[in-house]
Amino acid sequence: MTTPASPSSRPSRGWYALAAVLAALAVVIGAALAAWIIRALVGYEIVEFPEGEPVTIVLKDRGEAIWVTPENVGATCKATGDSDYSFSSGSADRMTFIRGGQTWVRVGILKGPPGAEYTLVCEDLGTTQQFGHAPNPQIGRYVVVGVSGGLVAGLSAMAAFLIVLVVAIKRNSKPRVA
């Protein structure tokens, strides 16, 4: 003899609403992260300056990255100001940035308090190059927030999927024969 499952032992449809909220949260977090990172990448502009000519740079809150293109060629830069800097290709953590078909390589980073002023002169080592500067990218921040947000979005999506799966199985299961 079979005993029908009582309606009170079956999960309610409210669980589907919770799963929908978790899935929507995952989508919103993923979209917000993607928009934030894409906006940072698209909005990053390198200001070019001529080789051998002094350029004045006023630091903002995160320092100023000095870039050279094309990559894998020699360059030397000297900066004078609040402190003196000297760097050449390969002296900074290797970082590349591609814009308009050009690959820019970070040569160095000017650091100091916001408002510090430097005069920078960069010279190539026998090749034709372009130099540029831009605020130093804060890659670590994007990695930490991206990974954290991605984990939260992924866990929310997984929880939504598992809730839907368990509720659907429990709601549609046939009563067992006793």
Protein backbone atom coordinates (compact mmCIF):
# COMPACT_ATOMS: atom_id res chain seq x y z
CA MET A 1 0.00 0.00 0.00
CA THR A 2 1.32 3.42 -0.87
CA THR A 3 0.99 6.47 1.22
CA PRO A 4 0.66 9.67 -0.80
CA ALA A 5 3.14 12.41 0.10
CA SER A 6 1.47 15.07 2.11
CA PRO A 7 1.60 18.53 0.55
CA SER A 8 3.30 19.83 3.67
CA SER A 9 6.34 17.55 3.16
CA ARG A 10 6.95 18.82 -0.37
CA PRO A 11 9.08 21.96 -0.72
CA SER A 12 7.06 25.03 -1.58
CA ARG A 13 7.36 27.00 -4.78
CA GLY A 14 8.91 29.79 -2.72
CA TRP A 15 12.23 27.97 -3.08
CA TYR A 16 12.07 28.66 -6.81
CA ALA A 17 11.77 32.39 -6.00
CA LEU A 18 14.88 32.15 -3.81
CA ALA A 19 16.73 30.40 -6.65
CA ALA A 20 15.62 33.13 -9.07
CA VAL A 21 16.91 35.83 -6.70
CA LEU A 22 20.28 34.05 -6.36
CA ALA A 23 20.55 33.62 -10.14
CA ALA A 24 19.71 37.29 -10.69
CA LEU A 25 22.32 38.27 -8.09
CA ALA A 26 24.94 36.21 -9.95
CA VAL A 27 24.08 37.89 -13.25
CA VAL A 28 24.12 41.40 -11.73
CA ILE A 29 27.49 40.82 -10.01
CA GLY A 30 29.00 39.36 -13.19
CA ALA A 31 27.72 42.20 -15.37
CA ALA A 32 28.87 44.87 -12.91
CA LEU A 33 32.36 43.37 -12.70
CA ALA A 34 32.64 43.07 -16.47
CA ALA A 35 31.49 46.68 -16.97
CA TRP A 36 33.92 47.97 -14.30
CA ILE A 37 36.93 46.14 -15.74
CA ILE A 38 36.09 46.95 -19.38
CA ARG A 39 35.57 50.62 -18.53
CA ALA A 40 38.99 50.72 -16.86
CA LEU A 41 40.68 49.10 -19.85
CA VAL A 42 38.91 51.19 -22.49
CA GLY A 43 39.46 54.42 -20.57
CA TYR A 44 43.19 53.91 -20.07
CA GLU A 45 45.03 56.42 -22.24
CA ILE A 46 48.76 56.79 -22.67
CA VAL A 47 49.89 60.39 -23.29
CA GLU A 48 52.72 60.30 -25.82
CA PHE A 49 55.77 62.55 -25.63
CA PRO A 50 58.80 62.95 -27.93
CA GLU A 51 62.08 61.13 -27.40
CA GLY A 52 64.84 63.29 -25.94
CA GLU A 53 62.51 66.17 -25.00
CA PRO A 54 61.81 66.98 -21.34
CA VAL A 55 58.23 66.46 -20.22
CA THR A 56 56.78 67.62 -16.90
CA ILE A 57 54.71 65.07 -15.00
CA VAL A 58 52.66 65.85 -11.89
CA LEU A 59 51.85 62.72 -9.92
CA LYS A 60 48.34 61.74 -9.03
CA ASP A 61 47.37 59.36 -6.23
CA ARG A 62 49.01 56.19 -7.61
CA GLY A 63 52.20 57.20 -9.38
CA GLU A 64 52.86 57.49 -13.10
CA ALA A 65 53.83 54.62 -15.40
CA ILE A 66 56.31 55.34 -18.19
CA TRP A 67 55.68 53.38 -21.40
CA VAL A 68 57.64 52.69 -24.59
CA THR A 69 56.69 51.16 -27.93
CA PRO A 70 57.65 49.02 -29.79
CA GLU A 71 58.46 46.33 -27.27
CA ASN A 72 61.77 44.48 -26.90
CA VAL A 73 63.94 47.48 -27.74
CA GLY A 74 66.27 49.49 -25.54
CA ALA A 75 65.24 52.70 -23.80
CA THR A 76 66.57 54.81 -20.94
CA CYS A 77 64.67 57.41 -18.92
CA LYS A 78 65.81 59.87 -16.25
CA ALA A 79 63.52 61.86 -14.01
CA THR A 80 64.44 64.73 -11.75
CA GLY A 81 62.20 66.27 -9.15
CA ASP A 82 61.27 65.39 -5.56
CA SER A 83 63.59 62.37 -5.91
CA ASP A 84 65.69 61.33 -8.85
CA TYR A 85 64.82 58.24 -10.87
CA SER A 86 66.62 56.38 -13.59
CA PHE A 87 65.24 53.33 -15.33
CA SER A 88 65.51 51.42 -18.57
CA SER A 89 63.67 48.70 -20.44
CA GLY A 90 63.20 45.74 -18.14
CA SER A 91 63.65 47.69 -14.90
CA ALA A 92 59.95 47.58 -13.94
CA ASP A 93 57.65 44.63 -13.52
CA ARG A 94 56.96 43.60 -17.09
CA MET A 95 53.59 44.81 -18.17
CA THR A 96 52.27 45.33 -21.67
CA PHE A 97 49.30 47.23 -22.95
CA ILE A 98 47.93 47.05 -26.49
CA ARG A 99 46.21 50.11 -27.92
CA GLY A 100 45.46 50.78 -31.58
CA GLY A 101 47.67 47.93 -32.74
CA GLN A 102 50.67 49.18 -30.77
CA THR A 103 52.15 47.17 -27.91
CA TRP A 104 53.32 49.45 -25.11
CA VAL A 105 55.77 48.14 -22.50
CA ARG A 106 56.09 49.71 -19.08
CA VAL A 107 59.66 50.98 -18.59
CA GLY A 108 59.29 52.31 -15.06
CA ILE A 109 57.07 53.93 -12.46
CA LEU A 110 57.48 57.41 -10.98
CA LYS A 111 56.40 57.29 -7.35
CA GLY A 112 55.86 59.96 -4.76
CA PRO A 113 53.17 61.91 -2.97
CA PRO A 114 50.26 63.28 -5.00
CA GLY A 115 51.24 66.60 -6.55
CA ALA A 116 54.96 65.76 -6.76
CA GLU A 117 56.42 67.16 -9.97
CA TYR A 118 59.06 65.49 -12.15
CA THR A 119 60.86 66.45 -15.33
CA LEU A 120 61.36 63.32 -17.41
CA VAL A 121 63.64 62.73 -20.41
CA CYS A 122 63.58 59.39 -22.23
CA GLU A 123 65.97 58.33 -24.97
CA ASP A 124 66.02 55.32 -27.21
CA LEU A 125 69.11 53.25 -27.77
CA GLY A 126 69.50 53.62 -31.52
CA THR A 127 65.98 52.67 -32.55
CA THR A 128 62.87 54.64 -33.35
CA GLN A 129 60.49 54.55 -30.43
CA GLN A 130 57.56 56.35 -28.96
CA PHE A 131 57.34 57.16 -25.29
CA GLY A 132 54.30 57.85 -23.16
CA HIS A 133 53.04 58.20 -19.60
CA ALA A 134 49.79 57.42 -17.80
CA PRO A 135 48.65 56.80 -14.22
CA ASN A 136 50.08 53.50 -13.00
CA PRO A 137 47.41 50.81 -13.42
CA GLN A 138 46.27 49.16 -10.21
CA ILE A 139 46.09 45.61 -11.51
CA GLY A 140 46.03 44.09 -8.02
CA ARG A 141 42.78 45.84 -7.21
CA TYR A 142 41.11 44.48 -10.34
CA VAL A 143 42.39 40.95 -9.63
CA VAL A 144 41.21 40.94 -6.00
CA VAL A 145 37.79 42.43 -6.73
CA GLY A 146 37.37 40.34 -9.89
CA VAL A 147 38.22 37.06 -8.17
CA SER A 148 36.14 37.87 -5.07
CA GLY A 149 33.15 39.01 -7.11
CA GLY A 150 33.52 36.07 -9.47
CA LEU A 151 33.48 33.66 -6.53
CA VAL A 152 30.37 35.26 -5.05
CA ALA A 153 28.63 35.23 -8.44
CA GLY A 154 29.67 31.62 -9.10
CA LEU A 155 28.54 30.43 -5.67
CA SER A 156 25.21 32.25 -6.08
CA ALA A 157 24.66 30.64 -9.49
CA MET A 158 25.60 27.21 -8.13
CA ALA A 159 23.30 27.60 -5.13
CA ALA A 160 20.44 28.65 -7.43
CA PHE A 161 21.01 25.61 -9.65
CA LEU A 162 21.14 23.21 -6.68
CA ILE A 163 18.00 24.68 -5.12
CA VAL A 164 16.08 24.30 -8.39
CA LEU A 165 17.38 20.75 -8.85
CA VAL A 166 16.55 19.55 -5.33
CA VAL A 167 13.14 21.25 -5.23
CA ALA A 168 12.19 19.89 -8.66
CA ILE A 169 13.19 16.35 -7.68
CA LYS A 170 11.37 16.50 -4.35
CA ARG A 171 8.23 18.07 -5.80
CA ASN A 172 7.98 15.57 -8.65
CA SER A 173 9.02 12.40 -6.86
CA LYS A 174 6.51 9.59 -6.58
CA PRO A 175 5.74 8.33 -3.10
CA ARG A 176 7.63 5.20 -2.11
CA VAL A 177 5.89 1.91 -1.61
CA ALA A 178 5.91 1.02 2.07
